[in-house]
Amino acid sequence: MAGKKSSAEKRHAQSEVRRLRNKAVKSEVHTFVRKYLEAVQKKDQNASLEALKKVQSELDNAQRKGVMKRNAVSRKKSRMFKLYNVTFASSAN
């Protein structure tokens, strides 16, 4: 009987796998956000736009996987776009 797992042990093992997967997805999002912020600080519009697209994609991916909630993703994307527009508004004129 030593080979049997209790349901609590199984649930714990499952939650650990999910926790590590969620942590990896969040880490990816944080990495792309950091790269975006660095590009904005350097005032590099093209790099910032590319990084912004990648951040948006990663956030949508995290939402689709259920790692982040819809409103949190929307809020972060809104703030990223707002930062881009404020930073590069003068170069459009």
PDB file of N, CA and C in Angstrom:
ATOM      1  N   MET A   1       0.800  -1.206   0.000  1.00  0.00           N
ATOM      2  CA  MET A   1       0.000   0.000   0.000  1.00  0.00           C
ATOM      3  C   MET A   1       0.844   1.272   0.000  1.00  0.00           C
ATOM      4  N   ALA A   2       2.153   1.108  -0.007  1.00  0.00           N
ATOM      5  CA  ALA A   2       3.024   2.272   0.070  1.00  0.00           C
ATOM      6  C   ALA A   2       2.973   3.101  -1.211  1.00  0.00           C
ATOM      7  N   GLY A   3       2.508   2.539  -2.326  1.00  0.00           N
ATOM      8  CA  GLY A   3       2.490   3.256  -3.592  1.00  0.00           C
ATOM      9  C   GLY A   3       1.310   4.193  -3.761  1.00  0.00           C
ATOM     10  N   LYS A   4       0.343   4.123  -2.867  1.00  0.00           N
ATOM     11  CA  LYS A   4      -0.852   4.962  -2.999  1.00  0.00           C
ATOM     12  C   LYS A   4      -0.621   6.345  -2.433  1.00  0.00           C
ATOM     13  N   LYS A   5      -1.156   7.331  -3.133  1.00  0.00           N
ATOM     14  CA  LYS A   5      -1.098   8.718  -2.681  1.00  0.00           C
ATOM     15  C   LYS A   5      -2.462   9.121  -2.170  1.00  0.00           C
ATOM     16  N   SER A   6      -2.468   9.891  -1.100  1.00  0.00           N
ATOM     17  CA  SER A   6      -3.754  10.413  -0.650  1.00  0.00           C
ATOM     18  C   SER A   6      -4.167  11.532  -1.600  1.00  0.00           C
ATOM     19  N   SER A   7      -5.444  11.864  -1.601  1.00  0.00           N
ATOM     20  CA  SER A   7      -5.930  12.920  -2.485  1.00  0.00           C
ATOM     21  C   SER A   7      -5.290  14.260  -2.115  1.00  0.00           C
ATOM     22  N   ALA A   8      -4.996  14.447  -0.823  1.00  0.00           N
ATOM     23  CA  ALA A   8      -4.361  15.700  -0.391  1.00  0.00           C
ATOM     24  C   ALA A   8      -2.952  15.810  -0.963  1.00  0.00           C
ATOM     25  N   GLU A   9      -2.235  14.690  -0.987  1.00  0.00           N
ATOM     26  CA  GLU A   9      -0.881  14.692  -1.547  1.00  0.00           C
ATOM     27  C   GLU A   9      -0.922  14.967  -3.050  1.00  0.00           C
ATOM     28  N   LYS A  10      -1.911  14.392  -3.711  1.00  0.00           N
ATOM     29  CA  LYS A  10      -2.044  14.620  -5.152  1.00  0.00           C
ATOM     30  C   LYS A  10      -2.365  16.084  -5.429  1.00  0.00           C
ATOM     31  N   ARG A  11      -3.298  16.660  -4.675  1.00  0.00           N
ATOM     32  CA  ARG A  11      -3.662  18.064  -4.868  1.00  0.00           C
ATOM     33  C   ARG A  11      -2.455  18.974  -4.608  1.00  0.00           C
ATOM     34  N   HIS A  12      -1.680  18.629  -3.603  1.00  0.00           N
ATOM     35  CA  HIS A  12      -0.500  19.434  -3.301  1.00  0.00           C
ATOM     36  C   HIS A  12       0.509  19.370  -4.452  1.00  0.00           C
ATOM     37  N   ALA A  13       0.709  18.195  -4.990  1.00  0.00           N
ATOM     38  CA  ALA A  13       1.640  18.031  -6.113  1.00  0.00           C
ATOM     39  C   ALA A  13       1.148  18.819  -7.326  1.00  0.00           C
ATOM     40  N   GLN A  14      -0.149  18.768  -7.589  1.00  0.00           N
ATOM     41  CA  GLN A  14      -0.724  19.503  -8.721  1.00  0.00           C
ATOM     42  C   GLN A  14      -0.568  21.006  -8.529  1.00  0.00           C
ATOM     43  N   SER A  15      -0.823  21.461  -7.305  1.00  0.00           N
ATOM     44  CA  SER A  15      -0.733  22.899  -7.055  1.00  0.00           C
ATOM     45  C   SER A  15       0.713  23.377  -7.176  1.00  0.00           C
ATOM     46  N   GLU A  16       1.666  22.535  -6.822  1.00  0.00           N
ATOM     47  CA  GLU A  16       3.078  22.910  -6.951  1.00  0.00           C
ATOM     48  C   GLU A  16       3.476  23.053  -8.417  1.00  0.00           C
ATOM     49  N   VAL A  17       2.993  22.155  -9.261  1.00  0.00           N
ATOM     50  CA  VAL A  17       3.263  22.232 -10.700  1.00  0.00           C
ATOM     51  C   VAL A  17       2.660  23.519 -11.259  1.00  0.00           C
ATOM     52  N   ARG A  18       1.427  23.819 -10.889  1.00  0.00           N
ATOM     53  CA  ARG A  18       0.765  25.042 -11.364  1.00  0.00           C
ATOM     54  C   ARG A  18       1.480  26.292 -10.866  1.00  0.00           C
ATOM     55  N   ARG A  19       1.913  26.257  -9.604  1.00  0.00           N
ATOM     56  CA  ARG A  19       2.605  27.413  -9.030  1.00  0.00           C
ATOM     57  C   ARG A  19       3.881  27.724  -9.809  1.00  0.00           C
ATOM     58  N   LEU A  20       4.642  26.687 -10.125  1.00  0.00           N
ATOM     59  CA  LEU A  20       5.886  26.890 -10.869  1.00  0.00           C
ATOM     60  C   LEU A  20       5.612  27.373 -12.292  1.00  0.00           C
ATOM     61  N   ARG A  21       4.567  26.860 -12.924  1.00  0.00           N
ATOM     62  CA  ARG A  21       4.215  27.299 -14.272  1.00  0.00           C
ATOM     63  C   ARG A  21       3.769  28.758 -14.250  1.00  0.00           C
ATOM     64  N   ASN A  22       2.934  29.121 -13.271  1.00  0.00           N
ATOM     65  CA  ASN A  22       2.473  30.503 -13.147  1.00  0.00           C
ATOM     66  C   ASN A  22       3.636  31.452 -12.867  1.00  0.00           C
ATOM     67  N   LYS A  23       4.564  30.994 -12.030  1.00  0.00           N
ATOM     68  CA  LYS A  23       5.730  31.812 -11.696  1.00  0.00           C
ATOM     69  C   LYS A  23       6.569  32.080 -12.941  1.00  0.00           C
ATOM     70  N   ALA A  24       6.711  31.080 -13.800  1.00  0.00           N
ATOM     71  CA  ALA A  24       7.494  31.242 -15.028  1.00  0.00           C
ATOM     72  C   ALA A  24       6.824  32.249 -15.963  1.00  0.00           C
ATOM     73  N   VAL A  25       5.507  32.173 -16.092  1.00  0.00           N
ATOM     74  CA  VAL A  25       4.778  33.096 -16.971  1.00  0.00           C
ATOM     75  C   VAL A  25       4.896  34.520 -16.442  1.00  0.00           C
ATOM     76  N   LYS A  26       4.717  34.704 -15.130  1.00  0.00           N
ATOM     77  CA  LYS A  26       4.821  36.037 -14.540  1.00  0.00           C
ATOM     78  C   LYS A  26       6.237  36.592 -14.692  1.00  0.00           C
ATOM     79  N   SER A  27       7.216  35.729 -14.560  1.00  0.00           N
ATOM     80  CA  SER A  27       8.603  36.150 -14.706  1.00  0.00           C
ATOM     81  C   SER A  27       8.864  36.661 -16.122  1.00  0.00           C
ATOM     82  N   GLU A  28       8.310  35.972 -17.109  1.00  0.00           N
ATOM     83  CA  GLU A  28       8.439  36.413 -18.511  1.00  0.00           C
ATOM     84  C   GLU A  28       7.817  37.796 -18.692  1.00  0.00           C
ATOM     85  N   VAL A  29       6.637  37.984 -18.121  1.00  0.00           N
ATOM     86  CA  VAL A  29       5.952  39.272 -18.235  1.00  0.00           C
ATOM     87  C   VAL A  29       6.811  40.369 -17.612  1.00  0.00           C
ATOM     88  N   HIS A  30       7.334  40.112 -16.413  1.00  0.00           N
ATOM     89  CA  HIS A  30       8.152  41.113 -15.724  1.00  0.00           C
ATOM     90  C   HIS A  30       9.403  41.457 -16.536  1.00  0.00           C
ATOM     91  N   THR A  31       9.993  40.453 -17.165  1.00  0.00           N
ATOM     92  CA  THR A  31      11.193  40.670 -17.969  1.00  0.00           C
ATOM     93  C   THR A  31      10.894  41.589 -19.145  1.00  0.00           C
ATOM     94  N   PHE A  32       9.793  41.337 -19.847  1.00  0.00           N
ATOM     95  CA  PHE A  32       9.453  42.159 -21.004  1.00  0.00           C
ATOM     96  C   PHE A  32       9.042  43.566 -20.591  1.00  0.00           C
ATOM     97  N   VAL A  33       8.388  43.702 -19.438  1.00  0.00           N
ATOM     98  CA  VAL A  33       8.034  45.034 -18.934  1.00  0.00           C
ATOM     99  C   VAL A  33       9.314  45.810 -18.623  1.00  0.00           C
ATOM    100  N   ARG A  34      10.289  45.153 -17.998  1.00  0.00           N
ATOM    101  CA  ARG A  34      11.556  45.810 -17.666  1.00  0.00           C
ATOM    102  C   ARG A  34      12.270  46.264 -18.942  1.00  0.00           C
ATOM    103  N   LYS A  35      12.299  45.413 -19.960  1.00  0.00           N
ATOM    104  CA  LYS A  35      12.952  45.777 -21.224  1.00  0.00           C
ATOM    105  C   LYS A  35      12.234  46.964 -21.878  1.00  0.00           C
ATOM    106  N   TYR A  36      10.912  46.982 -21.778  1.00  0.00           N
ATOM    107  CA  TYR A  36      10.126  48.090 -22.325  1.00  0.00           C
ATOM    108  C   TYR A  36      10.469  49.393 -21.604  1.00  0.00           C
ATOM    109  N   LEU A  37      10.505  49.344 -20.277  1.00  0.00           N
ATOM    110  CA  LEU A  37      10.797  50.544 -19.498  1.00  0.00           C
ATOM    111  C   LEU A  37      12.210  51.062 -19.781  1.00  0.00           C
ATOM    112  N   GLU A  38      13.150  50.154 -19.976  1.00  0.00           N
ATOM    113  CA  GLU A  38      14.519  50.560 -20.312  1.00  0.00           C
ATOM    114  C   GLU A  38      14.547  51.268 -21.670  1.00  0.00           C
ATOM    115  N   ALA A  39      13.794  50.743 -22.632  1.00  0.00           N
ATOM    116  CA  ALA A  39      13.746  51.359 -23.963  1.00  0.00           C
ATOM    117  C   ALA A  39      13.118  52.751 -23.890  1.00  0.00           C
ATOM    118  N   VAL A  40      12.089  52.896 -23.074  1.00  0.00           N
ATOM    119  CA  VAL A  40      11.436  54.201 -22.926  1.00  0.00           C
ATOM    120  C   VAL A  40      12.393  55.198 -22.273  1.00  0.00           C
ATOM    121  N   GLN A  41      13.127  54.748 -21.264  1.00  0.00           N
ATOM    122  CA  GLN A  41      14.070  55.643 -20.583  1.00  0.00           C
ATOM    123  C   GLN A  41      15.176  56.112 -21.511  1.00  0.00           C
ATOM    124  N   LYS A  42      15.539  55.274 -22.478  1.00  0.00           N
ATOM    125  CA  LYS A  42      16.568  55.646 -23.450  1.00  0.00           C
ATOM    126  C   LYS A  42      16.009  56.536 -24.559  1.00  0.00           C
ATOM    127  N   LYS A  43      14.689  56.773 -24.531  1.00  0.00           N
ATOM    128  CA  LYS A  43      13.994  57.594 -25.527  1.00  0.00           C
ATOM    129  C   LYS A  43      14.121  57.015 -26.940  1.00  0.00           C
ATOM    130  N   ASP A  44      14.200  55.688 -27.022  1.00  0.00           N
ATOM    131  CA  ASP A  44      14.296  55.008 -28.318  1.00  0.00           C
ATOM    132  C   ASP A  44      12.886  54.597 -28.734  1.00  0.00           C
ATOM    133  N   GLN A  45      12.293  55.375 -29.641  1.00  0.00           N
ATOM    134  CA  GLN A  45      10.887  55.165 -29.988  1.00  0.00           C
ATOM    135  C   GLN A  45      10.653  53.828 -30.676  1.00  0.00           C
ATOM    136  N   ASN A  46      11.511  53.465 -31.631  1.00  0.00           N
ATOM    137  CA  ASN A  46      11.307  52.202 -32.356  1.00  0.00           C
ATOM    138  C   ASN A  46      11.442  50.999 -31.435  1.00  0.00           C
ATOM    139  N   ALA A  47      12.476  50.995 -30.599  1.00  0.00           N
ATOM    140  CA  ALA A  47      12.671  49.888 -29.656  1.00  0.00           C
ATOM    141  C   ALA A  47      11.520  49.833 -28.656  1.00  0.00           C
ATOM    142  N   SER A  48      11.053  51.003 -28.239  1.00  0.00           N
ATOM    143  CA  SER A  48       9.939  51.059 -27.281  1.00  0.00           C
ATOM    144  C   SER A  48       8.671  50.478 -27.887  1.00  0.00           C
ATOM    145  N   LEU A  49       8.417  50.810 -29.152  1.00  0.00           N
ATOM    146  CA  LEU A  49       7.214  50.305 -29.804  1.00  0.00           C
ATOM    147  C   LEU A  49       7.267  48.791 -29.948  1.00  0.00           C
ATOM    148  N   GLU A  50       8.417  48.277 -30.337  1.00  0.00           N
ATOM    149  CA  GLU A  50       8.574  46.818 -30.463  1.00  0.00           C
ATOM    150  C   GLU A  50       8.399  46.146 -29.098  1.00  0.00           C
ATOM    151  N   ALA A  51       9.017  46.721 -28.073  1.00  0.00           N
ATOM    152  CA  ALA A  51       8.911  46.160 -26.728  1.00  0.00           C
ATOM    153  C   ALA A  51       7.475  46.237 -26.221  1.00  0.00           C
ATOM    154  N   LEU A  52       6.777  47.321 -26.565  1.00  0.00           N
ATOM    155  CA  LEU A  52       5.382  47.484 -26.147  1.00  0.00           C
ATOM    156  C   LEU A  52       4.503  46.397 -26.764  1.00  0.00           C
ATOM    157  N   LYS A  53       4.727  46.110 -28.025  1.00  0.00           N
ATOM    158  CA  LYS A  53       3.965  45.042 -28.683  1.00  0.00           C
ATOM    159  C   LYS A  53       4.221  43.695 -28.011  1.00  0.00           C
ATOM    160  N   LYS A  54       5.477  43.457 -27.637  1.00  0.00           N
ATOM    161  CA  LYS A  54       5.832  42.190 -26.995  1.00  0.00           C
ATOM    162  C   LYS A  54       5.207  42.101 -25.599  1.00  0.00           C
ATOM    163  N   VAL A  55       5.221  43.217 -24.868  1.00  0.00           N
ATOM    164  CA  VAL A  55       4.603  43.237 -23.533  1.00  0.00           C
ATOM    165  C   VAL A  55       3.117  42.950 -23.653  1.00  0.00           C
ATOM    166  N   GLN A  56       2.466  43.591 -24.624  1.00  0.00           N
ATOM    167  CA  GLN A  56       1.034  43.381 -24.823  1.00  0.00           C
ATOM    168  C   GLN A  56       0.745  41.911 -25.112  1.00  0.00           C
ATOM    169  N   SER A  57       1.551  41.318 -25.954  1.00  0.00           N
ATOM    170  CA  SER A  57       1.377  39.915 -26.303  1.00  0.00           C
ATOM    171  C   SER A  57       1.565  39.011 -25.082  1.00  0.00           C
ATOM    172  N   GLU A  58       2.595  39.282 -24.299  1.00  0.00           N
ATOM    173  CA  GLU A  58       2.869  38.465 -23.111  1.00  0.00           C
ATOM    174  C   GLU A  58       1.756  38.606 -22.069  1.00  0.00           C
ATOM    175  N   LEU A  59       1.253  39.823 -21.902  1.00  0.00           N
ATOM    176  CA  LEU A  59       0.151  40.027 -20.955  1.00  0.00           C
ATOM    177  C   LEU A  59      -1.103  39.285 -21.401  1.00  0.00           C
ATOM    178  N   ASP A  60      -1.401  39.360 -22.697  1.00  0.00           N
ATOM    179  CA  ASP A  60      -2.570  38.640 -23.221  1.00  0.00           C
ATOM    180  C   ASP A  60      -2.395  37.129 -23.032  1.00  0.00           C
ATOM    181  N   ASN A  61      -1.180  36.666 -23.221  1.00  0.00           N
ATOM    182  CA  ASN A  61      -0.872  35.255 -23.053  1.00  0.00           C
ATOM    183  C   ASN A  61      -1.077  34.830 -21.591  1.00  0.00           C
ATOM    184  N   ALA A  62      -0.616  35.655 -20.656  1.00  0.00           N
ATOM    185  CA  ALA A  62      -0.777  35.362 -19.232  1.00  0.00           C
ATOM    186  C   ALA A  62      -2.260  35.334 -18.853  1.00  0.00           C
ATOM    187  N   GLN A  63      -3.038  36.234 -19.460  1.00  0.00           N
ATOM    188  CA  GLN A  63      -4.475  36.252 -19.184  1.00  0.00           C
ATOM    189  C   GLN A  63      -5.136  34.992 -19.733  1.00  0.00           C
ATOM    190  N   ARG A  64      -4.770  34.619 -20.937  1.00  0.00           N
ATOM    191  CA  ARG A  64      -5.356  33.437 -21.569  1.00  0.00           C
ATOM    192  C   ARG A  64      -5.079  32.174 -20.757  1.00  0.00           C
ATOM    193  N   LYS A  65      -3.901  32.107 -20.159  1.00  0.00           N
ATOM    194  CA  LYS A  65      -3.519  30.936 -19.363  1.00  0.00           C
ATOM    195  C   LYS A  65      -4.121  30.963 -17.966  1.00  0.00           C
ATOM    196  N   GLY A  66      -4.745  32.094 -17.612  1.00  0.00           N
ATOM    197  CA  GLY A  66      -5.366  32.185 -16.294  1.00  0.00           C
ATOM    198  C   GLY A  66      -4.398  32.575 -15.197  1.00  0.00           C
ATOM    199  N   VAL A  67      -3.207  33.018 -15.561  1.00  0.00           N
ATOM    200  CA  VAL A  67      -2.202  33.409 -14.578  1.00  0.00           C
ATOM    201  C   VAL A  67      -2.518  34.797 -14.025  1.00  0.00           C
ATOM    202  N   MET A  68      -3.004  35.679 -14.892  1.00  0.00           N
ATOM    203  CA  MET A  68      -3.361  37.033 -14.476  1.00  0.00           C
ATOM    204  C   MET A  68      -4.827  37.296 -14.811  1.00  0.00           C
ATOM    205  N   LYS A  69      -5.460  38.125 -14.005  1.00  0.00           N
ATOM    206  CA  LYS A  69      -6.864  38.443 -14.238  1.00  0.00           C
ATOM    207  C   LYS A  69      -7.018  39.498 -15.323  1.00  0.00           C
ATOM    208  N   ARG A  70      -8.181  39.499 -15.940  1.00  0.00           N
ATOM    209  CA  ARG A  70      -8.451  40.378 -17.079  1.00  0.00           C
ATOM    210  C   ARG A  70      -8.244  41.852 -16.748  1.00  0.00           C
ATOM    211  N   ASN A  71      -8.790  42.296 -15.613  1.00  0.00           N
ATOM    212  CA  ASN A  71      -8.678  43.709 -15.261  1.00  0.00           C
ATOM    213  C   ASN A  71      -7.240  44.108 -14.965  1.00  0.00           C
ATOM    214  N   ALA A  72      -6.475  43.206 -14.360  1.00  0.00           N
ATOM    215  CA  ALA A  72      -5.069  43.498 -14.067  1.00  0.00           C
ATOM    216  C   ALA A  72      -4.289  43.661 -15.365  1.00  0.00           C
ATOM    217  N   VAL A  73      -4.565  42.795 -16.323  1.00  0.00           N
ATOM    218  CA  VAL A  73      -3.891  42.869 -17.627  1.00  0.00           C
ATOM    219  C   VAL A  73      -4.281  44.161 -18.337  1.00  0.00           C
ATOM    220  N   SER A  74      -5.566  44.486 -18.322  1.00  0.00           N
ATOM    221  CA  SER A  74      -6.040  45.708 -18.971  1.00  0.00           C
ATOM    222  C   SER A  74      -5.404  46.942 -18.347  1.00  0.00           C
ATOM    223  N   ARG A  75      -5.307  46.951 -17.032  1.00  0.00           N
ATOM    224  CA  ARG A  75      -4.716  48.084 -16.322  1.00  0.00           C
ATOM    225  C   ARG A  75      -3.236  48.239 -16.694  1.00  0.00           C
ATOM    226  N   LYS A  76      -2.506  47.145 -16.718  1.00  0.00           N
ATOM    227  CA  LYS A  76      -1.079  47.213 -17.050  1.00  0.00           C
ATOM    228  C   LYS A  76      -0.865  47.664 -18.494  1.00  0.00           C
ATOM    229  N   LYS A  77      -1.671  47.135 -19.409  1.00  0.00           N
ATOM    230  CA  LYS A  77      -1.542  47.537 -20.811  1.00  0.00           C
ATOM    231  C   LYS A  77      -1.862  49.018 -20.973  1.00  0.00           C
ATOM    232  N   SER A  78      -2.892  49.476 -20.289  1.00  0.00           N
ATOM    233  CA  SER A  78      -3.280  50.878 -20.364  1.00  0.00           C
ATOM    234  C   SER A  78      -2.142  51.774 -19.885  1.00  0.00           C
ATOM    235  N   ARG A  79      -1.507  51.397 -18.797  1.00  0.00           N
ATOM    236  CA  ARG A  79      -0.424  52.207 -18.247  1.00  0.00           C
ATOM    237  C   ARG A  79       0.785  52.210 -19.174  1.00  0.00           C
ATOM    238  N   MET A  80       1.037  51.074 -19.819  1.00  0.00           N
ATOM    239  CA  MET A  80       2.168  50.989 -20.749  1.00  0.00           C
ATOM    240  C   MET A  80       1.924  51.895 -21.965  1.00  0.00           C
ATOM    241  N   PHE A  81       0.720  51.844 -22.520  1.00  0.00           N
ATOM    242  CA  PHE A  81       0.390  52.688 -23.670  1.00  0.00           C
ATOM    243  C   PHE A  81       0.419  54.165 -23.286  1.00  0.00           C
ATOM    244  N   LYS A  82      -0.078  54.469 -22.101  1.00  0.00           N
ATOM    245  CA  LYS A  82      -0.091  55.848 -21.632  1.00  0.00           C
ATOM    246  C   LYS A  82       1.341  56.375 -21.512  1.00  0.00           C
ATOM    247  N   LEU A  83       2.238  55.577 -20.952  1.00  0.00           N
ATOM    248  CA  LEU A  83       3.636  55.966 -20.831  1.00  0.00           C
ATOM    249  C   LEU A  83       4.255  56.203 -22.200  1.00  0.00           C
ATOM    250  N   TYR A  84       3.954  55.316 -23.143  1.00  0.00           N
ATOM    251  CA  TYR A  84       4.488  55.469 -24.499  1.00  0.00           C
ATOM    252  C   TYR A  84       3.984  56.767 -25.122  1.00  0.00           C
ATOM    253  N   ASN A  85       2.685  57.009 -25.013  1.00  0.00           N
ATOM    254  CA  ASN A  85       2.096  58.203 -25.637  1.00  0.00           C
ATOM    255  C   ASN A  85       2.620  59.498 -25.007  1.00  0.00           C
ATOM    256  N   VAL A  86       2.776  59.504 -23.700  1.00  0.00           N
ATOM    257  CA  VAL A  86       3.274  60.699 -23.019  1.00  0.00           C
ATOM    258  C   VAL A  86       4.741  60.943 -23.381  1.00  0.00           C
ATOM    259  N   THR A  87       5.513  59.874 -23.442  1.00  0.00           N
ATOM    260  CA  THR A  87       6.946  60.003 -23.695  1.00  0.00           C
ATOM    261  C   THR A  87       7.243  60.460 -25.119  1.00  0.00           C
ATOM    262  N   PHE A  88       6.481  59.926 -26.074  1.00  0.00           N
ATOM    263  CA  PHE A  88       6.799  60.190 -27.476  1.00  0.00           C
ATOM    264  C   PHE A  88       5.780  61.106 -28.164  1.00  0.00           C
ATOM    265  N   ALA A  89       4.981  61.827 -27.395  1.00  0.00           N
ATOM    266  CA  ALA A  89       3.976  62.725 -27.972  1.00  0.00           C
ATOM    267  C   ALA A  89       4.628  63.882 -28.705  1.00  0.00           C
ATOM    268  N   SER A  90       5.710  64.414 -28.182  1.00  0.00           N
ATOM    269  CA  SER A  90       6.350  65.582 -28.789  1.00  0.00           C
ATOM    270  C   SER A  90       7.021  65.230 -30.116  1.00  0.00           C
ATOM    271  N   SER A  91       7.469  63.974 -30.279  1.00  0.00           N
ATOM    272  CA  SER A  91       8.152  63.605 -31.523  1.00  0.00           C
ATOM    273  C   SER A  91       7.169  63.431 -32.681  1.00  0.00           C
ATOM    274  N   ALA A  92       5.873  63.279 -32.367  1.00  0.00           N
ATOM    275  CA  ALA A  92       4.863  63.148 -33.426  1.00  0.00           C
ATOM    276  C   ALA A  92       4.547  64.511 -34.052  1.00  0.00           C
ATOM    277  N   ASN A  93       4.720  65.584 -33.283  1.00  0.00           N
ATOM    278  CA  ASN A  93       4.401  66.932 -33.782  1.00  0.00           C
ATOM    279  C   ASN A  93       5.530  67.550 -34.547  1.00  0.00           C
TER     280      ASN A  93
END
